[in-house]
């Protein structure tokens, strides 16, 4: 396997850590601390600005890290699904569908909606929902 980039390693580490209970507790503790300090600072504009600035910066950066993680996970899942289609001698035309435009995807969806409706109709007649009919 190829060595991952520094950004990928950092993004994975931060995304993994951000989902841990102790990070949530730390964030909740920071908010409680901020609230406790309110009377000491007279609930001033600066006091408000601190929490607004910190949360805005963290949120802004986390959006990009979450998107990076989601993109990698989605790409890996698509590759795995493509391999399952290939390995099970499925319909190879279904591989790499994520690269098609919306109109082409809608055609595939319509074809499979018809297959699903026909299968449900057959099940209503007591037939089993097994096998893989040709579309």
C-alpha atoms as a PDB file:
ATOM      1  CA  UNK A   1       0.000   0.000   0.000  1.00  0.00           C
ATOM      2  CA  UNK A   2       1.044   3.542  -0.682  1.00  0.00           C
ATOM      3  CA  UNK A   3       1.984   5.845   2.191  1.00  0.00           C
ATOM      4  CA  UNK A   4      -0.823   8.273   3.046  1.00  0.00           C
ATOM      5  CA  UNK A   5      -0.353  12.022   2.886  1.00  0.00           C
ATOM      6  CA  UNK A   6       0.183  14.092   6.012  1.00  0.00           C
ATOM      7  CA  UNK A   7      -3.235  15.697   5.559  1.00  0.00           C
ATOM      8  CA  UNK A   8      -4.973  12.313   5.386  1.00  0.00           C
ATOM      9  CA  UNK A   9      -3.204  11.132   8.532  1.00  0.00           C
ATOM     10  CA  UNK A  10      -4.046  14.341  10.418  1.00  0.00           C
ATOM     11  CA  UNK A  11      -7.660  14.333   9.175  1.00  0.00           C
ATOM     12  CA  UNK A  12      -8.152  10.697  10.214  1.00  0.00           C
ATOM     13  CA  UNK A  13      -6.630  11.320  13.637  1.00  0.00           C
ATOM     14  CA  UNK A  14      -8.701  14.430  14.340  1.00  0.00           C
ATOM     15  CA  UNK A  15     -11.919  12.886  12.976  1.00  0.00           C
ATOM     16  CA  UNK A  16     -11.352   9.788  15.106  1.00  0.00           C
ATOM     17  CA  UNK A  17     -10.597  11.838  18.223  1.00  0.00           C
ATOM     18  CA  UNK A  18     -13.532  14.215  17.658  1.00  0.00           C
ATOM     19  CA  UNK A  19     -15.974  11.338  17.926  1.00  0.00           C
ATOM     20  CA  UNK A  20     -14.693  10.172  21.320  1.00  0.00           C
ATOM     21  CA  UNK A  21     -16.720  10.725  24.512  1.00  0.00           C
ATOM     22  CA  UNK A  22     -13.844  12.496  26.294  1.00  0.00           C
ATOM     23  CA  UNK A  23     -13.720  15.148  23.534  1.00  0.00           C
ATOM     24  CA  UNK A  24     -17.426  15.802  23.979  1.00  0.00           C
ATOM     25  CA  UNK A  25     -16.907  16.042  27.746  1.00  0.00           C
ATOM     26  CA  UNK A  26     -14.002  18.432  27.189  1.00  0.00           C
ATOM     27  CA  UNK A  27     -16.130  20.640  24.917  1.00  0.00           C
ATOM     28  CA  UNK A  28     -19.053  20.595  27.368  1.00  0.00           C
ATOM     29  CA  UNK A  29     -16.629  21.438  30.186  1.00  0.00           C
ATOM     30  CA  UNK A  30     -15.258  24.380  28.205  1.00  0.00           C
ATOM     31  CA  UNK A  31     -18.774  25.737  27.730  1.00  0.00           C
ATOM     32  CA  UNK A  32     -19.551  25.320  31.436  1.00  0.00           C
ATOM     33  CA  UNK A  33     -16.291  27.119  32.302  1.00  0.00           C
ATOM     34  CA  UNK A  34     -17.181  29.898  29.873  1.00  0.00           C
ATOM     35  CA  UNK A  35     -20.634  30.227  31.475  1.00  0.00           C
ATOM     36  CA  UNK A  36     -19.148  30.322  34.986  1.00  0.00           C
ATOM     37  CA  UNK A  37     -16.783  33.129  33.982  1.00  0.00           C
ATOM     38  CA  UNK A  38     -19.686  35.229  32.651  1.00  0.00           C
ATOM     39  CA  UNK A  39     -20.395  37.070  35.928  1.00  0.00           C
ATOM     40  CA  UNK A  40     -16.654  37.709  36.470  1.00  0.00           C
ATOM     41  CA  UNK A  41     -16.507  39.513  33.118  1.00  0.00           C
ATOM     42  CA  UNK A  42     -19.907  41.134  33.498  1.00  0.00           C
ATOM     43  CA  UNK A  43     -21.226  39.205  30.495  1.00  0.00           C
ATOM     44  CA  UNK A  44     -19.337  41.696  28.345  1.00  0.00           C
ATOM     45  CA  UNK A  45     -19.128  41.768  24.573  1.00  0.00           C
ATOM     46  CA  UNK A  46     -15.576  40.410  24.788  1.00  0.00           C
ATOM     47  CA  UNK A  47     -16.829  37.494  26.872  1.00  0.00           C
ATOM     48  CA  UNK A  48     -19.425  36.704  24.172  1.00  0.00           C
ATOM     49  CA  UNK A  49     -16.879  37.184  21.401  1.00  0.00           C
ATOM     50  CA  UNK A  50     -14.520  34.567  22.843  1.00  0.00           C
ATOM     51  CA  UNK A  51     -16.988  31.686  22.599  1.00  0.00           C
ATOM     52  CA  UNK A  52     -18.365  32.867  19.275  1.00  0.00           C
ATOM     53  CA  UNK A  53     -14.918  33.107  17.715  1.00  0.00           C
ATOM     54  CA  UNK A  54     -13.649  29.790  19.054  1.00  0.00           C
ATOM     55  CA  UNK A  55     -16.750  27.834  18.052  1.00  0.00           C
ATOM     56  CA  UNK A  56     -16.839  29.433  14.607  1.00  0.00           C
ATOM     57  CA  UNK A  57     -13.201  28.557  13.904  1.00  0.00           C
ATOM     58  CA  UNK A  58     -13.585  24.989  15.164  1.00  0.00           C
ATOM     59  CA  UNK A  59     -16.786  24.486  13.161  1.00  0.00           C
ATOM     60  CA  UNK A  60     -15.221  25.927  10.003  1.00  0.00           C
ATOM     61  CA  UNK A  61     -12.225  23.584  10.210  1.00  0.00           C
ATOM     62  CA  UNK A  62     -14.293  20.534  11.177  1.00  0.00           C
ATOM     63  CA  UNK A  63     -16.497  20.919   8.091  1.00  0.00           C
ATOM     64  CA  UNK A  64     -13.472  20.292   5.876  1.00  0.00           C
ATOM     65  CA  UNK A  65     -12.202  17.396   7.976  1.00  0.00           C
ATOM     66  CA  UNK A  66     -15.620  15.736   8.022  1.00  0.00           C
ATOM     67  CA  UNK A  67     -15.980  16.198   4.256  1.00  0.00           C
ATOM     68  CA  UNK A  68     -12.523  14.695   3.692  1.00  0.00           C
ATOM     69  CA  UNK A  69     -13.380  11.681   5.822  1.00  0.00           C
ATOM     70  CA  UNK A  70     -16.739  11.232   4.115  1.00  0.00           C
ATOM     71  CA  UNK A  71     -15.164  11.455   0.641  1.00  0.00           C
ATOM     72  CA  UNK A  72     -12.578   8.774   1.498  1.00  0.00           C
ATOM     73  CA  UNK A  73     -15.174   6.484   3.090  1.00  0.00           C
ATOM     74  CA  UNK A  74     -17.552   6.864   0.143  1.00  0.00           C
ATOM     75  CA  UNK A  75     -14.803   6.160  -2.384  1.00  0.00           C
ATOM     76  CA  UNK A  76     -13.711   3.036  -0.485  1.00  0.00           C
ATOM     77  CA  UNK A  77     -17.307   1.817  -0.260  1.00  0.00           C
ATOM     78  CA  UNK A  78     -17.853   2.340  -3.990  1.00  0.00           C
ATOM     79  CA  UNK A  79     -14.735   0.318  -4.777  1.00  0.00           C
ATOM     80  CA  UNK A  80     -15.917  -2.490  -2.500  1.00  0.00           C
ATOM     81  CA  UNK A  81     -19.363  -2.500  -4.098  1.00  0.00           C
ATOM     82  CA  UNK A  82     -17.826  -2.564  -7.574  1.00  0.00           C
ATOM     83  CA  UNK A  83     -15.724  -5.560  -6.539  1.00  0.00           C
ATOM     84  CA  UNK A  84     -18.794  -7.355  -5.182  1.00  0.00           C
ATOM     85  CA  UNK A  85     -20.607  -6.778  -8.468  1.00  0.00           C
ATOM     86  CA  UNK A  86     -17.603  -8.039 -10.420  1.00  0.00           C
ATOM     87  CA  UNK A  87     -16.928 -11.035  -8.160  1.00  0.00           C
ATOM     88  CA  UNK A  88     -20.534 -12.233  -8.132  1.00  0.00           C
ATOM     89  CA  UNK A  89     -20.746 -12.030 -11.914  1.00  0.00           C
ATOM     90  CA  UNK A  90     -23.341  -9.314 -11.548  1.00  0.00           C
ATOM     91  CA  UNK A  91     -24.215  -6.665 -14.061  1.00  0.00           C
ATOM     92  CA  UNK A  92     -20.900  -4.969 -14.755  1.00  0.00           C
ATOM     93  CA  UNK A  93     -22.740  -1.996 -16.219  1.00  0.00           C
ATOM     94  CA  UNK A  94     -23.635  -1.102 -12.615  1.00  0.00           C
ATOM     95  CA  UNK A  95     -20.007  -0.618 -11.667  1.00  0.00           C
ATOM     96  CA  UNK A  96     -18.864   2.985 -11.305  1.00  0.00           C
ATOM     97  CA  UNK A  97     -22.401   4.396 -11.402  1.00  0.00           C
ATOM     98  CA  UNK A  98     -21.326   7.331  -9.238  1.00  0.00           C
ATOM     99  CA  UNK A  99     -19.578   8.752 -12.320  1.00  0.00           C
ATOM    100  CA  UNK A 100     -22.810   8.979 -14.359  1.00  0.00           C
ATOM    101  CA  UNK A 101     -24.894  12.106 -14.635  1.00  0.00           C
ATOM    102  CA  UNK A 102     -28.317  12.350 -12.995  1.00  0.00           C
ATOM    103  CA  UNK A 103     -30.281  11.508 -16.155  1.00  0.00           C
ATOM    104  CA  UNK A 104     -28.384   8.239 -16.640  1.00  0.00           C
ATOM    105  CA  UNK A 105     -28.802   7.364 -12.953  1.00  0.00           C
ATOM    106  CA  UNK A 106     -32.549   7.980 -13.225  1.00  0.00           C
ATOM    107  CA  UNK A 107     -32.743   5.467 -16.104  1.00  0.00           C
ATOM    108  CA  UNK A 108     -31.022   2.800 -14.002  1.00  0.00           C
ATOM    109  CA  UNK A 109     -33.241   3.605 -11.012  1.00  0.00           C
ATOM    110  CA  UNK A 110     -36.401   3.307 -13.143  1.00  0.00           C
ATOM    111  CA  UNK A 111     -35.252  -0.102 -14.422  1.00  0.00           C
ATOM    112  CA  UNK A 112     -34.685  -1.387 -10.891  1.00  0.00           C
ATOM    113  CA  UNK A 113     -37.925   0.095  -9.603  1.00  0.00           C
ATOM    114  CA  UNK A 114     -39.758  -1.938 -12.265  1.00  0.00           C
ATOM    115  CA  UNK A 115     -37.867  -5.085 -11.210  1.00  0.00           C
ATOM    116  CA  UNK A 116     -38.725  -4.450  -7.554  1.00  0.00           C
ATOM    117  CA  UNK A 117     -42.402  -3.874  -8.347  1.00  0.00           C
ATOM    118  CA  UNK A 118     -42.536  -7.107 -10.379  1.00  0.00           C
ATOM    119  CA  UNK A 119     -40.851  -9.023  -7.533  1.00  0.00           C
ATOM    120  CA  UNK A 120     -43.336  -7.651  -4.980  1.00  0.00           C
ATOM    121  CA  UNK A 121     -46.210  -8.625  -7.291  1.00  0.00           C
ATOM    122  CA  UNK A 122     -44.837 -12.165  -7.558  1.00  0.00           C
ATOM    123  CA  UNK A 123     -44.394 -12.355  -3.791  1.00  0.00           C
ATOM    124  CA  UNK A 124     -48.049 -11.371  -3.449  1.00  0.00           C
ATOM    125  CA  UNK A 125     -48.876 -14.477  -5.495  1.00  0.00           C
ATOM    126  CA  UNK A 126     -46.837 -16.617  -3.090  1.00  0.00           C
ATOM    127  CA  UNK A 127     -43.603 -16.809  -5.120  1.00  0.00           C
ATOM    128  CA  UNK A 128     -40.232 -16.497  -3.394  1.00  0.00           C
ATOM    129  CA  UNK A 129     -38.120 -13.406  -3.817  1.00  0.00           C
ATOM    130  CA  UNK A 130     -34.928 -15.146  -4.837  1.00  0.00           C
ATOM    131  CA  UNK A 131     -32.745 -15.271  -7.891  1.00  0.00           C
ATOM    132  CA  UNK A 132     -31.585 -12.427 -10.015  1.00  0.00           C
ATOM    133  CA  UNK A 133     -33.686 -11.849 -13.106  1.00  0.00           C
ATOM    134  CA  UNK A 134     -32.101 -10.185 -16.077  1.00  0.00           C
ATOM    135  CA  UNK A 135     -33.150  -6.525 -16.319  1.00  0.00           C
END
